[in-house]
Amino acid sequence: MPEQPFEPERAIAGTGAGGAMDLATSEAETLEKTPGGPEGTGPQEKPRSLWSDAWRDLRRNPVFIISALVILFLIVISLWPSLIASGNPLKCDLAKAQEGSQPGHPFGYDGQGCDVYTRTVYGTRTSVTVGVLATLGVAILGSALGGLAGFFGGAWDSILSRLTDIFFAIPVVLGGLVLLSVVTSNTVWPVIGFMVLLGWPQISRIARGSVITAKQNDYVQAARALGASNSRLLLRHITPNAVAPVIVVATIALGTYISLEATLSYLGVGLKPPTVSWGIDISSASAYIRNAPHMLLWPAGALAITVLAFIMLGDAVRDALDPKLR
């Protein structure tokens, strides 16, 4: 009878303890060969940062996707309104005043015989421009003042805190009625300047608290002990880790500034004709709401959708950047 070849696996499997030891050894070898194994023999996965985790969460959030698409569409038509509206928003025909929808003019005409559709499309440029520029100004000024106050503290922090209390005591709409009533310019800059003047305290408070929290972390103390300068601590270590709350608040405030511009224009102290603005159109259409409601509904609907899109975007960004909500 021929001799059977020796098979180590069959022999080991026949013994209870040996089989268990062999199985454990095989699993250990498999783990060592896989990436990121316990011995570190395979390639380690790169640690994810707060921003990479936030972007991953945002891509899976339908609220962010919908609001981002709406905002992207608004930005495109604000830059190139002629893509979807070929008419002139300032060209009017009194013979067609207050007429309803017609072929080529789906939104009808306003009280002056201007095409409501064309004015609604071109009004996007004004509202988005005011909102974006006001938000940038508020974020830059408020972050700089609040960040420096939170980092250095002392008398500068006390002065800024009392100054922000004074600005918080000023009603925004009342302040706009007083300050903008003496302005005769038809451009957007006085309105943007007013929003920056009264809007920076909120961002300043957020930036101050975020910097105070960030500068107490161990990595900042270690960098300070190694001799890092104040500018390096602020720009390299504190700002990247303190800017997230500012981004969230600024994103939500953008929609608020668009609504504020429309409110001031409606009251007659914001933007003035011949500037095309949703607030101006809503103000002009309020007198004809019974006879021609389409004059009011379309610009008011565009304003509501725009403000809602930016608020939804801010909520999605807040959920992604706030570790407590994970």
C-alpha atoms as a PDB file:
ATOM      1  CA  MET A   1       0.000   0.000   0.000  1.00  0.00           C
ATOM      2  CA  PRO A   2       1.504   3.350  -1.033  1.00  0.00           C
ATOM      3  CA  GLU A   3       2.393   5.786   1.692  1.00  0.00           C
ATOM      4  CA  GLN A   4       0.001   8.727   2.023  1.00  0.00           C
ATOM      5  CA  PRO A   5       1.583  12.193   1.755  1.00  0.00           C
ATOM      6  CA  PHE A   6       1.691  14.156   4.957  1.00  0.00           C
ATOM      7  CA  GLU A   7      -0.905  16.982   5.050  1.00  0.00           C
ATOM      8  CA  PRO A   8      -0.284  19.514   7.862  1.00  0.00           C
ATOM      9  CA  GLU A   9      -3.728  21.104   7.611  1.00  0.00           C
ATOM     10  CA  ARG A  10      -5.545  17.728   8.013  1.00  0.00           C
ATOM     11  CA  ALA A  11      -3.315  16.725  10.830  1.00  0.00           C
ATOM     12  CA  ILE A  12      -3.769  19.938  12.734  1.00  0.00           C
ATOM     13  CA  ALA A  13      -7.522  20.004  12.136  1.00  0.00           C
ATOM     14  CA  GLY A  14      -7.758  16.628  13.803  1.00  0.00           C
ATOM     15  CA  THR A  15      -6.658  18.027  17.126  1.00  0.00           C
ATOM     16  CA  GLY A  16      -8.905  20.426  18.987  1.00  0.00           C
ATOM     17  CA  ALA A  17      -6.314  22.723  20.536  1.00  0.00           C
ATOM     18  CA  GLY A  18      -4.038  22.643  17.520  1.00  0.00           C
ATOM     19  CA  GLY A  19      -6.915  23.527  15.193  1.00  0.00           C
ATOM     20  CA  ALA A  20      -7.900  26.481  17.308  1.00  0.00           C
ATOM     21  CA  MET A  21      -4.295  27.687  17.470  1.00  0.00           C
ATOM     22  CA  ASP A  22      -3.903  27.332  13.716  1.00  0.00           C
ATOM     23  CA  LEU A  23      -7.145  29.241  13.100  1.00  0.00           C
ATOM     24  CA  ALA A  24      -6.079  32.060  15.390  1.00  0.00           C
ATOM     25  CA  THR A  25      -2.663  32.196  13.711  1.00  0.00           C
ATOM     26  CA  SER A  26      -4.272  32.387  10.256  1.00  0.00           C
ATOM     27  CA  GLU A  27      -6.576  35.202  11.346  1.00  0.00           C
ATOM     28  CA  ALA A  28      -3.673  37.116  12.856  1.00  0.00           C
ATOM     29  CA  GLU A  29      -1.675  36.779   9.638  1.00  0.00           C
ATOM     30  CA  THR A  30      -4.685  37.966   7.646  1.00  0.00           C
ATOM     31  CA  LEU A  31      -5.052  41.033   9.862  1.00  0.00           C
ATOM     32  CA  GLU A  32      -1.362  41.860   9.488  1.00  0.00           C
ATOM     33  CA  LYS A  33      -1.653  41.710   5.706  1.00  0.00           C
ATOM     34  CA  THR A  34      -4.710  43.946   5.527  1.00  0.00           C
ATOM     35  CA  PRO A  35      -4.243  47.738   5.263  1.00  0.00           C
ATOM     36  CA  GLY A  36      -4.131  49.431   8.622  1.00  0.00           C
ATOM     37  CA  GLY A  37      -3.507  46.168  10.519  1.00  0.00           C
ATOM     38  CA  PRO A  38      -2.606  46.118  14.181  1.00  0.00           C
ATOM     39  CA  GLU A  39       1.144  45.950  13.443  1.00  0.00           C
ATOM     40  CA  GLY A  40       0.966  48.825  10.987  1.00  0.00           C
ATOM     41  CA  THR A  41       2.432  46.750   8.163  1.00  0.00           C
ATOM     42  CA  GLY A  42      -0.222  47.942   5.665  1.00  0.00           C
ATOM     43  CA  PRO A  43      -0.970  51.504   4.518  1.00  0.00           C
ATOM     44  CA  GLN A  44      -2.739  53.471   7.222  1.00  0.00           C
ATOM     45  CA  GLU A  45      -5.922  55.373   6.372  1.00  0.00           C
ATOM     46  CA  LYS A  46      -5.395  59.133   6.527  1.00  0.00           C
ATOM     47  CA  PRO A  47      -7.249  60.668   9.497  1.00  0.00           C
ATOM     48  CA  ARG A  48     -10.258  62.695   8.441  1.00  0.00           C
ATOM     49  CA  SER A  49     -10.483  66.337   9.467  1.00  0.00           C
ATOM     50  CA  LEU A  50     -13.551  68.291  10.531  1.00  0.00           C
ATOM     51  CA  TRP A  51     -13.900  69.731   7.033  1.00  0.00           C
ATOM     52  CA  SER A  52     -13.654  66.374   5.272  1.00  0.00           C
ATOM     53  CA  ASP A  53     -16.251  64.883   7.631  1.00  0.00           C
ATOM     54  CA  ALA A  54     -18.491  67.892   7.099  1.00  0.00           C
ATOM     55  CA  TRP A  55     -18.237  67.623   3.317  1.00  0.00           C
ATOM     56  CA  ARG A  56     -19.046  63.925   3.478  1.00  0.00           C
ATOM     57  CA  ASP A  57     -22.145  64.642   5.574  1.00  0.00           C
ATOM     58  CA  LEU A  58     -23.238  67.505   3.324  1.00  0.00           C
ATOM     59  CA  ARG A  59     -23.081  65.346   0.210  1.00  0.00           C
ATOM     60  CA  ARG A  60     -25.500  62.911   1.850  1.00  0.00           C
ATOM     61  CA  ASN A  61     -27.903  65.603   3.086  1.00  0.00           C
ATOM     62  CA  PRO A  62     -30.821  66.180   0.679  1.00  0.00           C
ATOM     63  CA  VAL A  63     -31.546  69.575   2.283  1.00  0.00           C
ATOM     64  CA  PHE A  64     -28.057  70.754   1.369  1.00  0.00           C
ATOM     65  CA  ILE A  65     -28.289  69.398  -2.165  1.00  0.00           C
ATOM     66  CA  ILE A  66     -31.648  71.045  -2.879  1.00  0.00           C
ATOM     67  CA  SER A  67     -30.696  74.393  -1.352  1.00  0.00           C
ATOM     68  CA  ALA A  68     -27.309  74.393  -3.088  1.00  0.00           C
ATOM     69  CA  LEU A  69     -28.919  73.747  -6.467  1.00  0.00           C
ATOM     70  CA  VAL A  70     -31.413  76.568  -5.924  1.00  0.00           C
ATOM     71  CA  ILE A  71     -28.634  78.952  -4.874  1.00  0.00           C
ATOM     72  CA  LEU A  72     -26.497  77.919  -7.841  1.00  0.00           C
ATOM     73  CA  PHE A  73     -29.409  78.674 -10.158  1.00  0.00           C
ATOM     74  CA  LEU A  74     -29.915  82.070  -8.507  1.00  0.00           C
ATOM     75  CA  ILE A  75     -26.245  82.921  -8.873  1.00  0.00           C
ATOM     76  CA  VAL A  76     -26.237  81.957 -12.551  1.00  0.00           C
ATOM     77  CA  ILE A  77     -29.267  84.070 -13.417  1.00  0.00           C
ATOM     78  CA  SER A  78     -27.950  86.964 -11.338  1.00  0.00           C
ATOM     79  CA  LEU A  79     -24.754  86.931 -13.403  1.00  0.00           C
ATOM     80  CA  TRP A  80     -26.414  86.271 -16.747  1.00  0.00           C
ATOM     81  CA  PRO A  81     -30.137  87.169 -16.494  1.00  0.00           C
ATOM     82  CA  SER A  82     -30.431  87.371 -20.265  1.00  0.00           C
ATOM     83  CA  LEU A  83     -30.155  83.572 -20.402  1.00  0.00           C
ATOM     84  CA  ILE A  84     -33.784  83.196 -19.370  1.00  0.00           C
ATOM     85  CA  ALA A  85     -35.139  86.741 -19.838  1.00  0.00           C
ATOM     86  CA  SER A  86     -34.489  88.487 -23.132  1.00  0.00           C
ATOM     87  CA  GLY A  87     -36.526  91.618 -22.428  1.00  0.00           C
ATOM     88  CA  ASN A  88     -35.589  94.949 -20.868  1.00  0.00           C
ATOM     89  CA  PRO A  89     -36.785  95.356 -17.251  1.00  0.00           C
ATOM     90  CA  LEU A  90     -37.056  99.141 -17.705  1.00  0.00           C
ATOM     91  CA  LYS A  91     -39.104  98.990 -20.901  1.00  0.00           C
ATOM     92  CA  CYS A  92     -42.760  99.572 -20.094  1.00  0.00           C
ATOM     93  CA  ASP A  93     -46.009 100.035 -22.004  1.00  0.00           C
ATOM     94  CA  LEU A  94     -48.782 101.801 -20.096  1.00  0.00           C
ATOM     95  CA  ALA A  95     -51.373 100.333 -22.487  1.00  0.00           C
ATOM     96  CA  LYS A  96     -50.670  96.899 -20.946  1.00  0.00           C
ATOM     97  CA  ALA A  97     -50.673  97.999 -17.301  1.00  0.00           C
ATOM     98  CA  GLN A  98     -51.948  95.356 -14.841  1.00  0.00           C
ATOM     99  CA  GLU A  99     -52.663  92.832 -17.606  1.00  0.00           C
ATOM    100  CA  GLY A 100     -52.328  89.160 -16.750  1.00  0.00           C
ATOM    101  CA  SER A 101     -50.322  86.367 -18.292  1.00  0.00           C
ATOM    102  CA  GLN A 102     -49.827  86.456 -22.058  1.00  0.00           C
ATOM    103  CA  PRO A 103     -47.750  84.443 -24.531  1.00  0.00           C
ATOM    104  CA  GLY A 104     -44.135  85.445 -24.013  1.00  0.00           C
ATOM    105  CA  HIS A 105     -45.013  87.242 -20.753  1.00  0.00           C
ATOM    106  CA  PRO A 106     -45.964  84.470 -18.299  1.00  0.00           C
ATOM    107  CA  PHE A 107     -46.087  86.711 -15.201  1.00  0.00           C
ATOM    108  CA  GLY A 108     -48.129  89.518 -16.788  1.00  0.00           C
ATOM    109  CA  TYR A 109     -47.474  93.251 -16.438  1.00  0.00           C
ATOM    110  CA  ASP A 110     -47.185  95.601 -13.474  1.00  0.00           C
ATOM    111  CA  GLY A 111     -48.863  98.945 -12.855  1.00  0.00           C
ATOM    112  CA  GLN A 112     -46.512 100.746 -15.249  1.00  0.00           C
ATOM    113  CA  GLY A 113     -46.834  98.150 -17.996  1.00  0.00           C
ATOM    114  CA  CYS A 114     -43.440  96.546 -17.316  1.00  0.00           C
ATOM    115  CA  ASP A 115     -42.965  92.813 -17.753  1.00  0.00           C
ATOM    116  CA  VAL A 116     -43.149  91.218 -14.298  1.00  0.00           C
ATOM    117  CA  TYR A 117     -41.193  88.145 -15.389  1.00  0.00           C
ATOM    118  CA  THR A 118     -38.260  90.185 -16.676  1.00  0.00           C
ATOM    119  CA  ARG A 119     -38.178  92.398 -13.582  1.00  0.00           C
ATOM    120  CA  THR A 120     -38.347  89.370 -11.305  1.00  0.00           C
ATOM    121  CA  VAL A 121     -35.387  87.763 -13.079  1.00  0.00           C
ATOM    122  CA  TYR A 122     -33.291  90.938 -13.090  1.00  0.00           C
ATOM    123  CA  GLY A 123     -34.201  91.617  -9.466  1.00  0.00           C
ATOM    124  CA  THR A 124     -32.257  88.485  -8.527  1.00  0.00           C
ATOM    125  CA  ARG A 125     -28.997  90.256  -9.368  1.00  0.00           C
ATOM    126  CA  THR A 126     -29.667  93.107  -6.960  1.00  0.00           C
ATOM    127  CA  SER A 127     -30.789  90.927  -4.076  1.00  0.00           C
ATOM    128  CA  VAL A 128     -27.963  88.397  -4.410  1.00  0.00           C
ATOM    129  CA  THR A 129     -25.368  91.165  -4.801  1.00  0.00           C
ATOM    130  CA  VAL A 130     -26.545  92.991  -1.687  1.00  0.00           C
ATOM    131  CA  GLY A 131     -26.755  89.780   0.342  1.00  0.00           C
ATOM    132  CA  VAL A 132     -23.339  88.430  -0.662  1.00  0.00           C
ATOM    133  CA  LEU A 133     -21.420  91.713  -0.297  1.00  0.00           C
ATOM    134  CA  ALA A 134     -23.094  92.566   3.004  1.00  0.00           C
ATOM    135  CA  THR A 135     -22.329  89.100   4.362  1.00  0.00           C
ATOM    136  CA  LEU A 136     -18.677  89.316   3.291  1.00  0.00           C
ATOM    137  CA  GLY A 137     -18.303  92.736   4.889  1.00  0.00           C
ATOM    138  CA  VAL A 138     -19.968  91.659   8.113  1.00  0.00           C
ATOM    139  CA  ALA A 139     -17.966  88.409   8.300  1.00  0.00           C
ATOM    140  CA  ILE A 140     -14.601  90.091   7.671  1.00  0.00           C
ATOM    141  CA  LEU A 141     -15.128  93.049  10.005  1.00  0.00           C
ATOM    142  CA  GLY A 142     -16.833  91.080  12.755  1.00  0.00           C
ATOM    143  CA  SER A 143     -14.356  88.195  12.640  1.00  0.00           C
ATOM    144  CA  ALA A 144     -11.350  90.521  12.759  1.00  0.00           C
ATOM    145  CA  LEU A 145     -12.618  92.594  15.685  1.00  0.00           C
ATOM    146  CA  GLY A 146     -14.053  89.683  17.644  1.00  0.00           C
ATOM    147  CA  GLY A 147     -11.076  87.408  16.997  1.00  0.00           C
ATOM    148  CA  LEU A 148      -8.548  90.010  18.164  1.00  0.00           C
ATOM    149  CA  ALA A 149     -10.641  90.786  21.242  1.00  0.00           C
ATOM    150  CA  GLY A 150     -10.910  87.111  22.143  1.00  0.00           C
ATOM    151  CA  PHE A 151      -7.211  86.474  21.588  1.00  0.00           C
ATOM    152  CA  PHE A 152      -5.705  89.457  23.422  1.00  0.00           C
ATOM    153  CA  GLY A 153      -8.472  90.126  25.951  1.00  0.00           C
ATOM    154  CA  GLY A 154      -7.937  92.897  28.468  1.00  0.00           C
ATOM    155  CA  ALA A 155      -9.081  96.455  27.805  1.00  0.00           C
ATOM    156  CA  TRP A 156      -9.631  95.796  24.080  1.00  0.00           C
ATOM    157  CA  ASP A 157     -12.062  93.004  24.899  1.00  0.00           C
ATOM    158  CA  SER A 158     -13.957  95.161  27.397  1.00  0.00           C
ATOM    159  CA  ILE A 159     -14.268  98.095  24.988  1.00  0.00           C
ATOM    160  CA  LEU A 160     -15.490  95.874  22.163  1.00  0.00           C
ATOM    161  CA  SER A 161     -18.025  94.155  24.417  1.00  0.00           C
ATOM    162  CA  ARG A 162     -19.557  97.473  25.482  1.00  0.00           C
ATOM    163  CA  LEU A 163     -19.531  98.696  21.881  1.00  0.00           C
ATOM    164  CA  THR A 164     -21.404  95.628  20.671  1.00  0.00           C
ATOM    165  CA  ASP A 165     -23.972  96.135  23.439  1.00  0.00           C
ATOM    166  CA  ILE A 166     -24.644  99.625  22.089  1.00  0.00           C
ATOM    167  CA  PHE A 167     -25.145  98.354  18.535  1.00  0.00           C
ATOM    168  CA  PHE A 168     -27.382  95.509  19.717  1.00  0.00           C
ATOM    169  CA  ALA A 169     -29.657  98.121  21.306  1.00  0.00           C
ATOM    170  CA  ILE A 170     -30.342  99.771  17.913  1.00  0.00           C
ATOM    171  CA  PRO A 171     -33.412  98.336  16.119  1.00  0.00           C
ATOM    172  CA  VAL A 172     -32.331  97.366  12.620  1.00  0.00           C
ATOM    173  CA  VAL A 173     -35.379  98.610  10.702  1.00  0.00           C
ATOM    174  CA  LEU A 174     -35.607 101.815  12.723  1.00  0.00           C
ATOM    175  CA  GLY A 175     -31.913 102.419  12.233  1.00  0.00           C
ATOM    176  CA  GLY A 176     -32.333 101.927   8.493  1.00  0.00           C
ATOM    177  CA  LEU A 177     -35.222 104.405   8.386  1.00  0.00           C
ATOM    178  CA  VAL A 178     -33.103 107.014  10.163  1.00  0.00           C
ATOM    179  CA  LEU A 179     -29.744 106.495   8.486  1.00  0.00           C
ATOM    180  CA  LEU A 180     -30.841 105.760   4.923  1.00  0.00           C
ATOM    181  CA  SER A 181     -33.521 108.447   4.760  1.00  0.00           C
ATOM    182  CA  VAL A 182     -30.824 111.086   4.215  1.00  0.00           C
ATOM    183  CA  VAL A 183     -29.088 109.120   1.437  1.00  0.00           C
ATOM    184  CA  THR A 184     -29.900 110.140  -2.131  1.00  0.00           C
ATOM    185  CA  SER A 185     -27.716 107.592  -3.952  1.00  0.00           C
ATOM    186  CA  ASN A 186     -29.430 105.042  -6.179  1.00  0.00           C
ATOM    187  CA  THR A 187     -26.646 102.469  -5.851  1.00  0.00           C
ATOM    188  CA  VAL A 188     -26.500  99.450  -3.558  1.00  0.00           C
ATOM    189  CA  TRP A 189     -23.507 100.690  -1.543  1.00  0.00           C
ATOM    190  CA  PRO A 190     -25.371 102.737   1.092  1.00  0.00           C
ATOM    191  CA  VAL A 191     -27.601  99.764   1.855  1.00  0.00           C
ATOM    192  CA  ILE A 192     -24.607  97.416   2.047  1.00  0.00           C
ATOM    193  CA  GLY A 193     -22.726  99.852   4.287  1.00  0.00           C
ATOM    194  CA  PHE A 194     -25.706 100.117   6.628  1.00  0.00           C
ATOM    195  CA  MET A 195     -25.974  96.328   6.906  1.00  0.00           C
ATOM    196  CA  VAL A 196     -22.266  96.004   7.667  1.00  0.00           C
ATOM    197  CA  LEU A 197     -22.485  98.793  10.252  1.00  0.00           C
ATOM    198  CA  LEU A 198     -25.281  97.128  12.210  1.00  0.00           C
ATOM    199  CA  GLY A 199     -24.480  93.483  11.409  1.00  0.00           C
ATOM    200  CA  TRP A 200     -20.891  93.059  12.541  1.00  0.00           C
ATOM    201  CA  PRO A 201     -21.613  92.815  16.325  1.00  0.00           C
ATOM    202  CA  GLN A 202     -23.337  89.430  15.958  1.00  0.00           C
ATOM    203  CA  ILE A 203     -20.429  87.895  14.047  1.00  0.00           C
ATOM    204  CA  SER A 204     -18.021  89.577  16.455  1.00  0.00           C
ATOM    205  CA  ARG A 205     -19.601  87.862  19.459  1.00  0.00           C
ATOM    206  CA  ILE A 206     -19.488  84.486  17.709  1.00  0.00           C
ATOM    207  CA  ALA A 207     -15.845  84.927  16.630  1.00  0.00           C
ATOM    208  CA  ARG A 208     -14.791  86.118  20.073  1.00  0.00           C
ATOM    209  CA  GLY A 209     -16.255  83.106  21.856  1.00  0.00           C
ATOM    210  CA  SER A 210     -14.861  80.694  19.277  1.00  0.00           C
ATOM    211  CA  VAL A 211     -11.340  82.136  19.554  1.00  0.00           C
ATOM    212  CA  ILE A 212     -11.442  82.056  23.360  1.00  0.00           C
ATOM    213  CA  THR A 213     -12.363  78.369  23.207  1.00  0.00           C
ATOM    214  CA  ALA A 214      -9.746  77.522  20.580  1.00  0.00           C
ATOM    215  CA  LYS A 215      -6.819  79.305  22.255  1.00  0.00           C
ATOM    216  CA  GLN A 216      -7.244  77.140  25.382  1.00  0.00           C
ATOM    217  CA  ASN A 217      -6.587  73.904  23.502  1.00  0.00           C
ATOM    218  CA  ASP A 218      -3.407  71.939  24.138  1.00  0.00           C
ATOM    219  CA  TYR A 219      -1.990  72.334  20.640  1.00  0.00           C
ATOM    220  CA  VAL A 220      -2.128  76.133  20.952  1.00  0.00           C
ATOM    221  CA  GLN A 221      -0.409  76.030  24.323  1.00  0.00           C
ATOM    222  CA  ALA A 222       2.235  73.718  22.904  1.00  0.00           C
ATOM    223  CA  ALA A 223       2.860  76.042  19.959  1.00  0.00           C
ATOM    224  CA  ARG A 224       3.129  78.991  22.327  1.00  0.00           C
ATOM    225  CA  ALA A 225       5.621  77.102  24.499  1.00  0.00           C
ATOM    226  CA  LEU A 226       7.718  76.383  21.411  1.00  0.00           C
ATOM    227  CA  GLY A 227       7.983  80.116  20.734  1.00  0.00           C
ATOM    228  CA  ALA A 228       5.306  80.668  18.084  1.00  0.00           C
ATOM    229  CA  SER A 229       4.438  84.330  17.543  1.00  0.00           C
ATOM    230  CA  ASN A 230       0.951  85.752  18.058  1.00  0.00           C
ATOM    231  CA  SER A 231       0.406  86.133  14.339  1.00  0.00           C
ATOM    232  CA  ARG A 232       1.371  82.505  13.718  1.00  0.00           C
ATOM    233  CA  LEU A 233      -0.879  81.317  16.532  1.00  0.00           C
ATOM    234  CA  LEU A 234      -3.818  83.287  15.115  1.00  0.00           C
ATOM    235  CA  LEU A 235      -3.377  82.419  11.444  1.00  0.00           C
ATOM    236  CA  ARG A 236      -2.032  78.877  11.659  1.00  0.00           C
ATOM    237  CA  HIS A 237      -3.556  77.309  14.744  1.00  0.00           C
ATOM    238  CA  ILE A 238      -6.575  79.284  15.996  1.00  0.00           C
ATOM    239  CA  THR A 239      -8.335  80.653  12.899  1.00  0.00           C
ATOM    240  CA  PRO A 240      -8.753  77.301  11.053  1.00  0.00           C
ATOM    241  CA  ASN A 241     -10.311  75.794  14.175  1.00  0.00           C
ATOM    242  CA  ALA A 242     -12.469  78.793  15.114  1.00  0.00           C
ATOM    243  CA  VAL A 243     -13.910  79.781  11.748  1.00  0.00           C
ATOM    244  CA  ALA A 244     -16.632  77.107  11.534  1.00  0.00           C
ATOM    245  CA  PRO A 245     -19.227  78.900  13.733  1.00  0.00           C
ATOM    246  CA  VAL A 246     -18.629  82.131  11.799  1.00  0.00           C
ATOM    247  CA  ILE A 247     -19.318  80.365   8.489  1.00  0.00           C
ATOM    248  CA  VAL A 248     -22.554  78.898   9.814  1.00  0.00           C
ATOM    249  CA  VAL A 249     -23.886  82.196  11.170  1.00  0.00           C
ATOM    250  CA  ALA A 250     -22.819  84.116   8.050  1.00  0.00           C
ATOM    251  CA  THR A 251     -24.554  81.638   5.752  1.00  0.00           C
ATOM    252  CA  ILE A 252     -27.839  81.953   7.620  1.00  0.00           C
ATOM    253  CA  ALA A 253     -27.440  85.750   7.873  1.00  0.00           C
ATOM    254  CA  LEU A 254     -27.093  86.029   4.087  1.00  0.00           C
ATOM    255  CA  GLY A 255     -30.747  85.209   3.627  1.00  0.00           C
ATOM    256  CA  THR A 256     -31.606  87.657   6.402  1.00  0.00           C
ATOM    257  CA  TYR A 257     -29.758  90.480   4.637  1.00  0.00           C
ATOM    258  CA  ILE A 258     -31.620  89.780   1.398  1.00  0.00           C
ATOM    259  CA  SER A 259     -34.889  90.011   3.308  1.00  0.00           C
ATOM    260  CA  LEU A 260     -33.707  93.199   5.049  1.00  0.00           C
ATOM    261  CA  GLU A 261     -32.862  94.839   1.729  1.00  0.00           C
ATOM    262  CA  ALA A 262     -36.346  94.047   0.429  1.00  0.00           C
ATOM    263  CA  THR A 263     -37.892  95.441   3.629  1.00  0.00           C
ATOM    264  CA  LEU A 264     -35.967  98.707   3.434  1.00  0.00           C
ATOM    265  CA  SER A 265     -36.748  99.059  -0.275  1.00  0.00           C
ATOM    266  CA  TYR A 266     -40.425  98.394   0.449  1.00  0.00           C
ATOM    267  CA  LEU A 267     -40.387 101.203   3.031  1.00  0.00           C
ATOM    268  CA  GLY A 268     -38.791 103.549   0.506  1.00  0.00           C
ATOM    269  CA  VAL A 269     -35.417 104.058   2.206  1.00  0.00           C
ATOM    270  CA  GLY A 270     -33.441 101.232   0.628  1.00  0.00           C
ATOM    271  CA  LEU A 271     -32.861 100.906  -3.099  1.00  0.00           C
ATOM    272  CA  LYS A 272     -34.651 103.419  -5.277  1.00  0.00           C
ATOM    273  CA  PRO A 273     -35.873 103.387  -8.905  1.00  0.00           C
ATOM    274  CA  PRO A 274     -34.681 102.881 -11.578  1.00  0.00           C
ATOM    275  CA  THR A 275     -32.866 100.083  -9.707  1.00  0.00           C
ATOM    276  CA  VAL A 276     -34.690  96.778 -10.216  1.00  0.00           C
ATOM    277  CA  SER A 277     -35.398  95.191  -6.840  1.00  0.00           C
ATOM    278  CA  TRP A 278     -37.919  92.742  -5.461  1.00  0.00           C
ATOM    279  CA  GLY A 279     -38.624  95.110  -2.577  1.00  0.00           C
ATOM    280  CA  ILE A 280     -39.421  97.977  -4.941  1.00  0.00           C
ATOM    281  CA  ASP A 281     -41.704  95.777  -7.037  1.00  0.00           C
ATOM    282  CA  ILE A 282     -43.516  94.471  -3.941  1.00  0.00           C
ATOM    283  CA  SER A 283     -43.994  98.030  -2.699  1.00  0.00           C
ATOM    284  CA  SER A 284     -45.402  99.148  -6.066  1.00  0.00           C
ATOM    285  CA  ALA A 285     -47.690  96.108  -6.320  1.00  0.00           C
ATOM    286  CA  SER A 286     -49.164  96.378  -2.807  1.00  0.00           C
ATOM    287  CA  ALA A 287     -51.633  99.029  -3.995  1.00  0.00           C
ATOM    288  CA  TYR A 288     -52.984  96.698  -6.713  1.00  0.00           C
ATOM    289  CA  ILE A 289     -53.192  93.464  -4.734  1.00  0.00           C
ATOM    290  CA  ARG A 290     -56.989  93.220  -5.170  1.00  0.00           C
ATOM    291  CA  ASN A 291     -57.113  93.894  -8.903  1.00  0.00           C
ATOM    292  CA  ALA A 292     -53.777  92.413 -10.034  1.00  0.00           C
ATOM    293  CA  PRO A 293     -52.381  90.013  -7.395  1.00  0.00           C
ATOM    294  CA  HIS A 294     -49.871  88.589  -9.880  1.00  0.00           C
ATOM    295  CA  MET A 295     -47.845  91.786  -9.562  1.00  0.00           C
ATOM    296  CA  LEU A 296     -47.165  90.965  -5.922  1.00  0.00           C
ATOM    297  CA  LEU A 297     -47.077  87.179  -5.871  1.00  0.00           C
ATOM    298  CA  TRP A 298     -44.190  86.612  -8.270  1.00  0.00           C
ATOM    299  CA  PRO A 299     -41.529  88.918  -6.758  1.00  0.00           C
ATOM    300  CA  ALA A 300     -42.664  87.974  -3.245  1.00  0.00           C
ATOM    301  CA  GLY A 301     -42.428  84.271  -4.128  1.00  0.00           C
ATOM    302  CA  ALA A 302     -38.932  84.721  -5.582  1.00  0.00           C
ATOM    303  CA  LEU A 303     -37.867  86.546  -2.416  1.00  0.00           C
ATOM    304  CA  ALA A 304     -39.296  83.837  -0.158  1.00  0.00           C
ATOM    305  CA  ILE A 305     -37.623  81.010  -2.120  1.00  0.00           C
ATOM    306  CA  THR A 306     -34.252  82.792  -2.076  1.00  0.00           C
ATOM    307  CA  VAL A 307     -34.318  83.504   1.651  1.00  0.00           C
ATOM    308  CA  LEU A 308     -35.501  79.964   2.413  1.00  0.00           C
ATOM    309  CA  ALA A 309     -32.722  78.438   0.283  1.00  0.00           C
ATOM    310  CA  PHE A 310     -29.983  80.314   2.152  1.00  0.00           C
ATOM    311  CA  ILE A 311     -31.490  79.514   5.554  1.00  0.00           C
ATOM    312  CA  MET A 312     -31.740  75.817   4.646  1.00  0.00           C
ATOM    313  CA  LEU A 313     -28.133  75.882   3.443  1.00  0.00           C
ATOM    314  CA  GLY A 314     -27.036  77.452   6.715  1.00  0.00           C
ATOM    315  CA  ASP A 315     -28.916  74.836   8.743  1.00  0.00           C
ATOM    316  CA  ALA A 316     -27.298  72.024   6.744  1.00  0.00           C
ATOM    317  CA  VAL A 317     -23.824  73.525   7.207  1.00  0.00           C
ATOM    318  CA  ARG A 318     -24.465  73.948  10.931  1.00  0.00           C
ATOM    319  CA  ASP A 319     -25.496  70.304  11.301  1.00  0.00           C
ATOM    320  CA  ALA A 320     -22.365  69.190   9.442  1.00  0.00           C
ATOM    321  CA  LEU A 321     -19.888  71.388  11.338  1.00  0.00           C
ATOM    322  CA  ASP A 322     -21.303  71.023  14.858  1.00  0.00           C
ATOM    323  CA  PRO A 323     -19.661  67.995  16.550  1.00  0.00           C
ATOM    324  CA  LYS A 324     -22.415  67.897  19.179  1.00  0.00           C
ATOM    325  CA  LEU A 325     -24.984  67.015  16.499  1.00  0.00           C
ATOM    326  CA  ARG A 326     -23.068  64.019  15.155  1.00  0.00           C
END
